[in-house]
Amino acid sequence: MSKQVETATPAKYNPKLEYYKELWRQLRKNKAAVVGGGFIVLFILISIIGTPWIGPHVLTYAPDAVDIPNKLQPPSADHWFGTDNYGRDIFTRIIYGMKLTLFIGFTSVAIGGIFGVIFGVVAGYFGGWVDTIIMRIMDVLLAFPGILLALAIVSVLGGSIQNMIIAVSIYSVPAFARIVRGSTLSVRKLEYIDAMKALGASHTRIIFKHILPNVMSPIIVQATMRIASAVLTASGLSFLGLGVKPPTPEWGAMMNEGRNFMRESPHVIMFPGMMIVIVVLAFNIFGDGLRDALDPKMKK
């Protein structure tokens, strides 16, 4: 009897899966980026899962619970980060404020990124007078320092969470537009783009199917690092009294409320400020590592 030879079916090659595996291999070489990414994941989990479900059962105090007799208490077993000038537990307010801070950062960068990518792709792809008009507008916005531009916008619109998101979004647009425009100019010159034009493909199809997928790497890196700037700007606006209004537990607003007591009770502003530094540092470090992992020149 002849023996039947069994052949193993080769596993189906998934280019996207292999791409993400290679990206992870490159990213984990940077230990600092992995640590920064771990902190980001932790903050997101606390914001999404922690405050709605775990907070009311684990945290002893409510974020807006006033206890005047115990105001300005130093850190202790009962109040890990102490209390503020109204006797509210600072640790609880920081946990609840994390959700708002990250929401402002992610939302403002998402809005600014969408408009910036649209302007950058249109300017880089069509060129000519379209490119000139769009980029001159971006140059005007870039002429102002980011925090100054956001401060001017909020001063005109008024202080609120919505207006602060709008302000941070507007000052994020030029950075995305310039990066995407430069990447689009490089991709537009490739031969396969000319081939798609010769085959009669529409501009919309070429942009969305062939140009945008090839410029996503710088967009992702810019978005990651821009979130850090957005968090810092939003906290700065709240600290100046032009952002989130008390008693909302936002870190910049918490520092604004506690700045009059920083000499006798430095913990009132120290812990919110420390959290701002940690979040900004985590996003910056992770963004640096992500940039190196996505850059082919950095791969060995």
C-alpha atoms as a PDB file:
ATOM      1  CA  MET A   1       0.000   0.000   0.000  1.00  0.00           C
ATOM      2  CA  SER A   2       1.235   3.426  -0.841  1.00  0.00           C
ATOM      3  CA  LYS A   3       1.589   5.812   1.998  1.00  0.00           C
ATOM      4  CA  GLN A   4      -0.237   9.042   1.701  1.00  0.00           C
ATOM      5  CA  VAL A   5       1.974  12.013   2.262  1.00  0.00           C
ATOM      6  CA  GLU A   6       0.283  14.595   4.438  1.00  0.00           C
ATOM      7  CA  THR A   7       1.257  18.146   3.676  1.00  0.00           C
ATOM      8  CA  ALA A   8       0.705  20.865   6.226  1.00  0.00           C
ATOM      9  CA  THR A   9      -1.342  23.762   5.007  1.00  0.00           C
ATOM     10  CA  PRO A  10       0.818  26.886   5.156  1.00  0.00           C
ATOM     11  CA  ALA A  11      -0.463  29.607   7.413  1.00  0.00           C
ATOM     12  CA  LYS A  12      -2.097  32.463   5.559  1.00  0.00           C
ATOM     13  CA  TYR A  13       0.199  35.467   5.398  1.00  0.00           C
ATOM     14  CA  ASN A  14      -1.326  38.568   6.919  1.00  0.00           C
ATOM     15  CA  PRO A  15       0.732  41.640   6.005  1.00  0.00           C
ATOM     16  CA  LYS A  16      -1.030  43.893   8.505  1.00  0.00           C
ATOM     17  CA  LEU A  17      -0.434  41.438  11.349  1.00  0.00           C
ATOM     18  CA  GLU A  18       3.231  41.119  10.400  1.00  0.00           C
ATOM     19  CA  TYR A  19       3.530  44.897  10.264  1.00  0.00           C
ATOM     20  CA  TYR A  20       2.167  45.292  13.785  1.00  0.00           C
ATOM     21  CA  LYS A  21       4.409  42.492  15.060  1.00  0.00           C
ATOM     22  CA  GLU A  22       7.447  44.209  13.584  1.00  0.00           C
ATOM     23  CA  LEU A  23       6.309  47.533  15.022  1.00  0.00           C
ATOM     24  CA  TRP A  24       6.031  45.968  18.482  1.00  0.00           C
ATOM     25  CA  ARG A  25       9.481  44.375  18.128  1.00  0.00           C
ATOM     26  CA  GLN A  26      10.982  47.740  17.279  1.00  0.00           C
ATOM     27  CA  LEU A  27       9.046  49.580  19.975  1.00  0.00           C
ATOM     28  CA  ARG A  28       9.927  47.250  22.828  1.00  0.00           C
ATOM     29  CA  LYS A  29      13.627  47.857  22.190  1.00  0.00           C
ATOM     30  CA  ASN A  30      13.036  51.296  23.686  1.00  0.00           C
ATOM     31  CA  LYS A  31      12.376  50.528  27.354  1.00  0.00           C
ATOM     32  CA  ALA A  32      11.464  54.114  28.181  1.00  0.00           C
ATOM     33  CA  ALA A  33       8.809  54.146  25.442  1.00  0.00           C
ATOM     34  CA  VAL A  34       7.334  50.900  26.763  1.00  0.00           C
ATOM     35  CA  VAL A  35       7.137  52.386  30.263  1.00  0.00           C
ATOM     36  CA  GLY A  36       5.541  55.554  28.888  1.00  0.00           C
ATOM     37  CA  GLY A  37       3.035  53.496  26.926  1.00  0.00           C
ATOM     38  CA  GLY A  38       2.253  51.473  30.041  1.00  0.00           C
ATOM     39  CA  PHE A  39       1.460  54.642  31.966  1.00  0.00           C
ATOM     40  CA  ILE A  40      -0.771  55.854  29.122  1.00  0.00           C
ATOM     41  CA  VAL A  41      -2.708  52.568  29.112  1.00  0.00           C
ATOM     42  CA  LEU A  42      -3.045  52.778  32.902  1.00  0.00           C
ATOM     43  CA  PHE A  43      -4.366  56.337  32.744  1.00  0.00           C
ATOM     44  CA  ILE A  44      -6.870  55.423  30.026  1.00  0.00           C
ATOM     45  CA  LEU A  45      -8.109  52.402  31.988  1.00  0.00           C
ATOM     46  CA  ILE A  46      -8.533  54.515  35.117  1.00  0.00           C
ATOM     47  CA  SER A  47     -10.428  57.141  33.122  1.00  0.00           C
ATOM     48  CA  ILE A  48     -12.739  54.711  31.337  1.00  0.00           C
ATOM     49  CA  ILE A  49     -13.221  51.970  33.926  1.00  0.00           C
ATOM     50  CA  GLY A  50     -12.044  53.394  37.223  1.00  0.00           C
ATOM     51  CA  THR A  51     -14.144  56.482  37.844  1.00  0.00           C
ATOM     52  CA  PRO A  52     -17.615  55.230  36.807  1.00  0.00           C
ATOM     53  CA  TRP A  53     -17.538  51.762  38.396  1.00  0.00           C
ATOM     54  CA  ILE A  54     -14.603  51.381  40.756  1.00  0.00           C
ATOM     55  CA  GLY A  55     -14.470  54.957  42.081  1.00  0.00           C
ATOM     56  CA  PRO A  56     -17.736  55.013  44.051  1.00  0.00           C
ATOM     57  CA  HIS A  57     -16.891  51.672  45.691  1.00  0.00           C
ATOM     58  CA  VAL A  58     -13.144  52.035  46.295  1.00  0.00           C
ATOM     59  CA  LEU A  59     -12.610  55.767  46.887  1.00  0.00           C
ATOM     60  CA  THR A  60     -13.704  56.840  50.342  1.00  0.00           C
ATOM     61  CA  TYR A  61     -14.613  60.429  49.470  1.00  0.00           C
ATOM     62  CA  ALA A  62     -16.612  62.057  46.713  1.00  0.00           C
ATOM     63  CA  PRO A  63     -14.690  64.532  44.514  1.00  0.00           C
ATOM     64  CA  ASP A  64     -16.947  67.441  45.528  1.00  0.00           C
ATOM     65  CA  ALA A  65     -17.452  66.517  49.197  1.00  0.00           C
ATOM     66  CA  VAL A  66     -16.685  69.648  51.240  1.00  0.00           C
ATOM     67  CA  ASP A  67     -15.265  69.210  54.761  1.00  0.00           C
ATOM     68  CA  ILE A  68     -14.235  72.636  56.052  1.00  0.00           C
ATOM     69  CA  PRO A  69     -12.986  71.440  59.490  1.00  0.00           C
ATOM     70  CA  ASN A  70     -10.429  69.235  57.713  1.00  0.00           C
ATOM     71  CA  LYS A  71      -9.258  71.724  55.129  1.00  0.00           C
ATOM     72  CA  LEU A  72      -5.576  71.898  54.073  1.00  0.00           C
ATOM     73  CA  GLN A  73      -4.728  68.635  55.834  1.00  0.00           C
ATOM     74  CA  PRO A  74      -1.327  67.189  54.864  1.00  0.00           C
ATOM     75  CA  PRO A  75      -1.063  63.714  53.265  1.00  0.00           C
ATOM     76  CA  SER A  76      -2.087  60.968  55.674  1.00  0.00           C
ATOM     77  CA  ALA A  77      -3.564  57.481  55.797  1.00  0.00           C
ATOM     78  CA  ASP A  78      -7.070  58.961  55.509  1.00  0.00           C
ATOM     79  CA  HIS A  79      -6.198  61.454  52.776  1.00  0.00           C
ATOM     80  CA  TRP A  80      -3.322  60.100  50.687  1.00  0.00           C
ATOM     81  CA  PHE A  81      -2.670  63.408  48.928  1.00  0.00           C
ATOM     82  CA  GLY A  82      -4.120  65.618  51.676  1.00  0.00           C
ATOM     83  CA  THR A  83      -7.076  67.974  51.389  1.00  0.00           C
ATOM     84  CA  ASP A  84      -7.567  71.311  49.659  1.00  0.00           C
ATOM     85  CA  ASN A  85      -8.838  74.635  51.012  1.00  0.00           C
ATOM     86  CA  TYR A  86     -12.406  73.264  51.121  1.00  0.00           C
ATOM     87  CA  GLY A  87     -11.480  70.001  52.783  1.00  0.00           C
ATOM     88  CA  ARG A  88     -11.963  67.981  49.606  1.00  0.00           C
ATOM     89  CA  ASP A  89      -9.807  64.881  49.139  1.00  0.00           C
ATOM     90  CA  ILE A  90      -7.101  65.716  46.568  1.00  0.00           C
ATOM     91  CA  PHE A  91      -6.432  62.099  45.597  1.00  0.00           C
ATOM     92  CA  THR A  92     -10.086  61.547  44.699  1.00  0.00           C
ATOM     93  CA  ARG A  93     -10.227  64.779  42.713  1.00  0.00           C
ATOM     94  CA  ILE A  94      -7.075  63.833  40.800  1.00  0.00           C
ATOM     95  CA  ILE A  95      -8.534  60.433  39.861  1.00  0.00           C
ATOM     96  CA  TYR A  96     -11.779  61.999  38.662  1.00  0.00           C
ATOM     97  CA  GLY A  97      -9.906  64.832  36.970  1.00  0.00           C
ATOM     98  CA  MET A  98      -7.832  62.369  34.940  1.00  0.00           C
ATOM     99  CA  LYS A  99     -10.840  61.517  32.777  1.00  0.00           C
ATOM    100  CA  LEU A 100     -11.544  65.162  31.983  1.00  0.00           C
ATOM    101  CA  THR A 101      -7.890  65.980  31.301  1.00  0.00           C
ATOM    102  CA  LEU A 102      -7.432  63.077  28.883  1.00  0.00           C
ATOM    103  CA  PHE A 103     -10.792  63.784  27.251  1.00  0.00           C
ATOM    104  CA  ILE A 104      -9.727  67.349  26.496  1.00  0.00           C
ATOM    105  CA  GLY A 105      -6.355  66.177  25.192  1.00  0.00           C
ATOM    106  CA  PHE A 106      -7.658  63.397  22.943  1.00  0.00           C
ATOM    107  CA  THR A 107     -10.683  65.310  21.646  1.00  0.00           C
ATOM    108  CA  SER A 108      -8.825  68.511  20.802  1.00  0.00           C
ATOM    109  CA  VAL A 109      -6.018  66.625  19.035  1.00  0.00           C
ATOM    110  CA  ALA A 110      -8.545  64.477  17.133  1.00  0.00           C
ATOM    111  CA  ILE A 111     -10.420  67.546  15.868  1.00  0.00           C
ATOM    112  CA  GLY A 112      -7.253  69.460  15.053  1.00  0.00           C
ATOM    113  CA  GLY A 113      -5.744  66.375  13.410  1.00  0.00           C
ATOM    114  CA  ILE A 114      -8.758  65.798  11.143  1.00  0.00           C
ATOM    115  CA  PHE A 115      -8.736  69.356   9.819  1.00  0.00           C
ATOM    116  CA  GLY A 116      -4.945  69.475   9.653  1.00  0.00           C
ATOM    117  CA  VAL A 117      -4.758  66.241   7.658  1.00  0.00           C
ATOM    118  CA  ILE A 118      -7.431  67.462   5.234  1.00  0.00           C
ATOM    119  CA  PHE A 119      -5.666  70.790   4.664  1.00  0.00           C
ATOM    120  CA  GLY A 120      -2.244  69.133   4.380  1.00  0.00           C
ATOM    121  CA  VAL A 121      -3.332  66.460   1.884  1.00  0.00           C
ATOM    122  CA  VAL A 122      -5.241  68.942  -0.278  1.00  0.00           C
ATOM    123  CA  ALA A 123      -2.326  71.398  -0.301  1.00  0.00           C
ATOM    124  CA  GLY A 124       0.285  68.744  -1.044  1.00  0.00           C
ATOM    125  CA  TYR A 125      -1.721  66.877  -3.668  1.00  0.00           C
ATOM    126  CA  PHE A 126      -3.130  69.724  -5.746  1.00  0.00           C
ATOM    127  CA  GLY A 127      -0.321  72.258  -5.232  1.00  0.00           C
ATOM    128  CA  GLY A 128      -0.444  75.577  -7.051  1.00  0.00           C
ATOM    129  CA  TRP A 129      -2.641  78.348  -5.718  1.00  0.00           C
ATOM    130  CA  VAL A 130      -4.492  75.922  -3.442  1.00  0.00           C
ATOM    131  CA  ASP A 131      -1.224  75.035  -1.726  1.00  0.00           C
ATOM    132  CA  THR A 132      -0.237  78.693  -1.472  1.00  0.00           C
ATOM    133  CA  ILE A 133      -3.473  79.837   0.144  1.00  0.00           C
ATOM    134  CA  ILE A 134      -3.702  76.973   2.644  1.00  0.00           C
ATOM    135  CA  MET A 135      -0.080  77.143   3.736  1.00  0.00           C
ATOM    136  CA  ARG A 136      -0.087  80.918   4.120  1.00  0.00           C
ATOM    137  CA  ILE A 137      -3.049  80.580   6.489  1.00  0.00           C
ATOM    138  CA  MET A 138      -1.127  77.909   8.393  1.00  0.00           C
ATOM    139  CA  ASP A 139       1.899  80.211   8.542  1.00  0.00           C
ATOM    140  CA  VAL A 140      -0.231  82.938  10.095  1.00  0.00           C
ATOM    141  CA  LEU A 141      -1.417  80.533  12.800  1.00  0.00           C
ATOM    142  CA  LEU A 142       2.137  79.290  13.377  1.00  0.00           C
ATOM    143  CA  ALA A 143       3.341  82.868  13.844  1.00  0.00           C
ATOM    144  CA  PHE A 144       1.678  82.851  17.273  1.00  0.00           C
ATOM    145  CA  PRO A 145       3.018  80.704  20.114  1.00  0.00           C
ATOM    146  CA  GLY A 146       0.600  77.862  20.808  1.00  0.00           C
ATOM    147  CA  ILE A 147      -0.406  78.879  24.315  1.00  0.00           C
ATOM    148  CA  LEU A 148      -0.777  82.527  23.236  1.00  0.00           C
ATOM    149  CA  LEU A 149      -3.039  81.591  20.331  1.00  0.00           C
ATOM    150  CA  ALA A 150      -5.180  79.357  22.547  1.00  0.00           C
ATOM    151  CA  LEU A 151      -5.297  82.104  25.177  1.00  0.00           C
ATOM    152  CA  ALA A 152      -6.519  84.639  22.624  1.00  0.00           C
ATOM    153  CA  ILE A 153      -9.199  82.298  21.281  1.00  0.00           C
ATOM    154  CA  VAL A 154     -10.511  81.418  24.745  1.00  0.00           C
ATOM    155  CA  SER A 155     -10.500  85.081  25.724  1.00  0.00           C
ATOM    156  CA  VAL A 156     -12.782  85.835  22.769  1.00  0.00           C
ATOM    157  CA  LEU A 157     -15.052  82.799  23.063  1.00  0.00           C
ATOM    158  CA  GLY A 158     -15.174  82.654  26.867  1.00  0.00           C
ATOM    159  CA  GLY A 159     -13.972  80.110  29.374  1.00  0.00           C
ATOM    160  CA  SER A 160     -15.571  76.661  29.139  1.00  0.00           C
ATOM    161  CA  ILE A 161     -14.602  73.082  28.325  1.00  0.00           C
ATOM    162  CA  GLN A 162     -16.028  73.343  24.798  1.00  0.00           C
ATOM    163  CA  ASN A 163     -14.254  76.612  24.013  1.00  0.00           C
ATOM    164  CA  MET A 164     -11.000  75.292  25.443  1.00  0.00           C
ATOM    165  CA  ILE A 165     -11.204  72.236  23.167  1.00  0.00           C
ATOM    166  CA  ILE A 166     -11.878  74.524  20.199  1.00  0.00           C
ATOM    167  CA  ALA A 167      -8.878  76.709  21.081  1.00  0.00           C
ATOM    168  CA  VAL A 168      -6.475  73.793  21.485  1.00  0.00           C
ATOM    169  CA  SER A 169      -7.832  72.211  18.287  1.00  0.00           C
ATOM    170  CA  ILE A 170      -7.226  75.349  16.224  1.00  0.00           C
ATOM    171  CA  TYR A 171      -3.632  75.709  17.338  1.00  0.00           C
ATOM    172  CA  SER A 172      -3.027  71.992  16.597  1.00  0.00           C
ATOM    173  CA  VAL A 173      -4.153  72.280  12.950  1.00  0.00           C
ATOM    174  CA  PRO A 174      -0.979  73.906  11.463  1.00  0.00           C
ATOM    175  CA  ALA A 175       1.380  71.256  12.873  1.00  0.00           C
ATOM    176  CA  PHE A 176      -0.611  68.425  11.288  1.00  0.00           C
ATOM    177  CA  ALA A 177      -1.058  70.341   8.025  1.00  0.00           C
ATOM    178  CA  ARG A 178       2.659  70.980   7.520  1.00  0.00           C
ATOM    179  CA  ILE A 179       3.696  67.409   8.305  1.00  0.00           C
ATOM    180  CA  VAL A 180       1.020  65.854   6.086  1.00  0.00           C
ATOM    181  CA  ARG A 181       1.747  68.267   3.246  1.00  0.00           C
ATOM    182  CA  GLY A 182       5.433  67.330   3.254  1.00  0.00           C
ATOM    183  CA  SER A 183       4.671  63.606   3.280  1.00  0.00           C
ATOM    184  CA  THR A 184       2.048  64.029   0.541  1.00  0.00           C
ATOM    185  CA  LEU A 185       4.521  65.846  -1.705  1.00  0.00           C
ATOM    186  CA  SER A 186       6.886  62.858  -1.414  1.00  0.00           C
ATOM    187  CA  VAL A 187       4.223  60.234  -2.084  1.00  0.00           C
ATOM    188  CA  ARG A 188       2.659  62.193  -4.968  1.00  0.00           C
ATOM    189  CA  LYS A 189       5.881  61.880  -6.969  1.00  0.00           C
ATOM    190  CA  LEU A 190       5.899  58.069  -6.873  1.00  0.00           C
ATOM    191  CA  GLU A 191       5.296  56.183 -10.102  1.00  0.00           C
ATOM    192  CA  TYR A 192       2.270  54.234  -8.964  1.00  0.00           C
ATOM    193  CA  ILE A 193       0.392  57.510  -8.315  1.00  0.00           C
ATOM    194  CA  ASP A 194       1.013  58.489 -11.956  1.00  0.00           C
ATOM    195  CA  ALA A 195      -0.168  55.035 -12.980  1.00  0.00           C
ATOM    196  CA  MET A 196      -3.422  55.460 -11.036  1.00  0.00           C
ATOM    197  CA  LYS A 197      -4.005  58.815 -12.729  1.00  0.00           C
ATOM    198  CA  ALA A 198      -3.369  57.249 -16.147  1.00  0.00           C
ATOM    199  CA  LEU A 199      -5.925  54.543 -15.360  1.00  0.00           C
ATOM    200  CA  GLY A 200      -8.520  57.209 -14.699  1.00  0.00           C
ATOM    201  CA  ALA A 201      -8.734  56.976 -10.901  1.00  0.00           C
ATOM    202  CA  SER A 202     -10.452  59.947  -9.290  1.00  0.00           C
ATOM    203  CA  HIS A 203      -8.627  62.369  -7.023  1.00  0.00           C
ATOM    204  CA  THR A 204     -10.719  61.204  -4.063  1.00  0.00           C
ATOM    205  CA  ARG A 205      -9.772  57.564  -4.629  1.00  0.00           C
ATOM    206  CA  ILE A 206      -6.083  58.373  -5.018  1.00  0.00           C
ATOM    207  CA  ILE A 207      -6.047  60.478  -1.852  1.00  0.00           C
ATOM    208  CA  PHE A 208      -7.951  58.069   0.397  1.00  0.00           C
ATOM    209  CA  LYS A 209      -6.743  54.766  -1.032  1.00  0.00           C
ATOM    210  CA  HIS A 210      -3.134  55.469  -1.928  1.00  0.00           C
ATOM    211  CA  ILE A 211      -1.822  58.655  -0.294  1.00  0.00           C
ATOM    212  CA  LEU A 212      -3.348  58.719   3.198  1.00  0.00           C
ATOM    213  CA  PRO A 213      -2.329  55.113   4.071  1.00  0.00           C
ATOM    214  CA  ASN A 214       1.265  56.005   3.181  1.00  0.00           C
ATOM    215  CA  VAL A 215       1.398  59.128   5.354  1.00  0.00           C
ATOM    216  CA  MET A 216      -0.223  57.653   8.473  1.00  0.00           C
ATOM    217  CA  SER A 217       3.057  57.062  10.339  1.00  0.00           C
ATOM    218  CA  PRO A 218       3.952  60.758  10.834  1.00  0.00           C
ATOM    219  CA  ILE A 219       0.295  61.501  11.603  1.00  0.00           C
ATOM    220  CA  ILE A 220       0.234  58.916  14.415  1.00  0.00           C
ATOM    221  CA  VAL A 221       3.508  60.143  15.890  1.00  0.00           C
ATOM    222  CA  GLN A 222       2.419  63.781  15.712  1.00  0.00           C
ATOM    223  CA  ALA A 223      -0.934  62.975  17.332  1.00  0.00           C
ATOM    224  CA  THR A 224       0.727  61.117  20.203  1.00  0.00           C
ATOM    225  CA  MET A 225       3.125  63.931  20.989  1.00  0.00           C
ATOM    226  CA  ARG A 226       0.483  66.590  20.382  1.00  0.00           C
ATOM    227  CA  ILE A 227      -1.704  65.151  23.130  1.00  0.00           C
ATOM    228  CA  ALA A 228       1.024  66.058  25.625  1.00  0.00           C
ATOM    229  CA  SER A 229       1.009  69.664  24.377  1.00  0.00           C
ATOM    230  CA  ALA A 230      -2.796  69.749  24.480  1.00  0.00           C
ATOM    231  CA  VAL A 231      -2.892  68.530  28.092  1.00  0.00           C
ATOM    232  CA  LEU A 232      -0.287  71.097  29.083  1.00  0.00           C
ATOM    233  CA  THR A 233      -2.074  73.925  27.267  1.00  0.00           C
ATOM    234  CA  ALA A 234      -5.483  72.997  28.670  1.00  0.00           C
ATOM    235  CA  SER A 235      -4.091  72.838  32.195  1.00  0.00           C
ATOM    236  CA  GLY A 236      -2.387  76.200  31.670  1.00  0.00           C
ATOM    237  CA  LEU A 237      -5.628  77.810  30.531  1.00  0.00           C
ATOM    238  CA  SER A 238      -7.491  76.400  33.533  1.00  0.00           C
ATOM    239  CA  PHE A 239      -4.720  77.611  35.825  1.00  0.00           C
ATOM    240  CA  LEU A 240      -5.173  81.114  34.418  1.00  0.00           C
ATOM    241  CA  GLY A 241      -8.916  80.886  35.049  1.00  0.00           C
ATOM    242  CA  LEU A 242      -9.863  80.717  31.347  1.00  0.00           C
ATOM    243  CA  GLY A 243     -10.613  77.022  31.097  1.00  0.00           C
ATOM    244  CA  VAL A 244     -12.524  74.625  33.299  1.00  0.00           C
ATOM    245  CA  LYS A 245     -14.352  76.397  36.108  1.00  0.00           C
ATOM    246  CA  PRO A 246     -14.335  75.282  39.776  1.00  0.00           C
ATOM    247  CA  PRO A 247     -15.435  73.059  41.388  1.00  0.00           C
ATOM    248  CA  THR A 248     -14.809  70.742  38.404  1.00  0.00           C
ATOM    249  CA  PRO A 249     -11.838  68.509  39.341  1.00  0.00           C
ATOM    250  CA  GLU A 250      -9.474  69.479  36.524  1.00  0.00           C
ATOM    251  CA  TRP A 251      -5.770  69.510  37.373  1.00  0.00           C
ATOM    252  CA  GLY A 252      -5.028  73.027  36.132  1.00  0.00           C
ATOM    253  CA  ALA A 253      -8.095  74.398  37.909  1.00  0.00           C
ATOM    254  CA  MET A 254      -7.025  72.564  41.089  1.00  0.00           C
ATOM    255  CA  MET A 255      -3.649  74.309  40.936  1.00  0.00           C
ATOM    256  CA  ASN A 256      -5.380  77.635  40.374  1.00  0.00           C
ATOM    257  CA  GLU A 257      -7.530  77.142  43.479  1.00  0.00           C
ATOM    258  CA  GLY A 258      -4.563  76.106  45.602  1.00  0.00           C
ATOM    259  CA  ARG A 259      -1.962  78.659  44.542  1.00  0.00           C
ATOM    260  CA  ASN A 260      -2.914  81.032  47.392  1.00  0.00           C
ATOM    261  CA  PHE A 261      -2.081  78.299  49.911  1.00  0.00           C
ATOM    262  CA  MET A 262       1.109  76.942  48.365  1.00  0.00           C
ATOM    263  CA  ARG A 263       3.371  78.352  51.092  1.00  0.00           C
ATOM    264  CA  GLU A 264       1.678  76.793  54.103  1.00  0.00           C
ATOM    265  CA  SER A 265       0.255  73.751  52.239  1.00  0.00           C
ATOM    266  CA  PRO A 266       2.403  73.004  49.173  1.00  0.00           C
ATOM    267  CA  HIS A 267       0.716  69.631  48.639  1.00  0.00           C
ATOM    268  CA  VAL A 268      -2.377  71.441  47.327  1.00  0.00           C
ATOM    269  CA  ILE A 269      -0.615  72.277  44.051  1.00  0.00           C
ATOM    270  CA  MET A 270       2.225  69.742  44.180  1.00  0.00           C
ATOM    271  CA  PHE A 271       0.170  66.621  43.442  1.00  0.00           C
ATOM    272  CA  PRO A 272      -1.925  68.049  40.560  1.00  0.00           C
ATOM    273  CA  GLY A 273       1.253  69.518  39.074  1.00  0.00           C
ATOM    274  CA  MET A 274       3.047  66.199  39.483  1.00  0.00           C
ATOM    275  CA  MET A 275       0.264  64.396  37.601  1.00  0.00           C
ATOM    276  CA  ILE A 276       0.451  66.892  34.727  1.00  0.00           C
ATOM    277  CA  VAL A 277       4.201  66.298  34.477  1.00  0.00           C
ATOM    278  CA  ILE A 278       3.785  62.501  34.503  1.00  0.00           C
ATOM    279  CA  VAL A 279       1.091  62.506  31.798  1.00  0.00           C
ATOM    280  CA  VAL A 280       2.987  64.919  29.544  1.00  0.00           C
ATOM    281  CA  LEU A 281       6.244  63.009  30.027  1.00  0.00           C
ATOM    282  CA  ALA A 282       4.567  59.655  29.316  1.00  0.00           C
ATOM    283  CA  PHE A 283       3.116  60.860  26.004  1.00  0.00           C
ATOM    284  CA  ASN A 284       6.360  62.534  24.940  1.00  0.00           C
ATOM    285  CA  ILE A 285       8.500  59.477  25.711  1.00  0.00           C
ATOM    286  CA  PHE A 286       6.040  57.122  24.020  1.00  0.00           C
ATOM    287  CA  GLY A 287       5.838  59.434  21.008  1.00  0.00           C
ATOM    288  CA  ASP A 288       9.640  59.453  20.672  1.00  0.00           C
ATOM    289  CA  GLY A 289       9.761  55.661  20.801  1.00  0.00           C
ATOM    290  CA  LEU A 290       6.889  55.353  18.322  1.00  0.00           C
ATOM    291  CA  ARG A 291       8.631  57.721  15.930  1.00  0.00           C
ATOM    292  CA  ASP A 292      11.811  55.646  16.059  1.00  0.00           C
ATOM    293  CA  ALA A 293       9.862  52.410  15.550  1.00  0.00           C
ATOM    294  CA  LEU A 294       7.972  53.785  12.534  1.00  0.00           C
ATOM    295  CA  ASP A 295      11.039  55.365  10.937  1.00  0.00           C
ATOM    296  CA  PRO A 296      12.728  52.868   8.581  1.00  0.00           C
ATOM    297  CA  LYS A 297      16.055  54.647   9.016  1.00  0.00           C
ATOM    298  CA  MET A 298      16.055  53.784  12.716  1.00  0.00           C
ATOM    299  CA  LYS A 299      15.530  50.041  12.150  1.00  0.00           C
ATOM    300  CA  LYS A 300      18.577  47.846  12.268  1.00  0.00           C
END
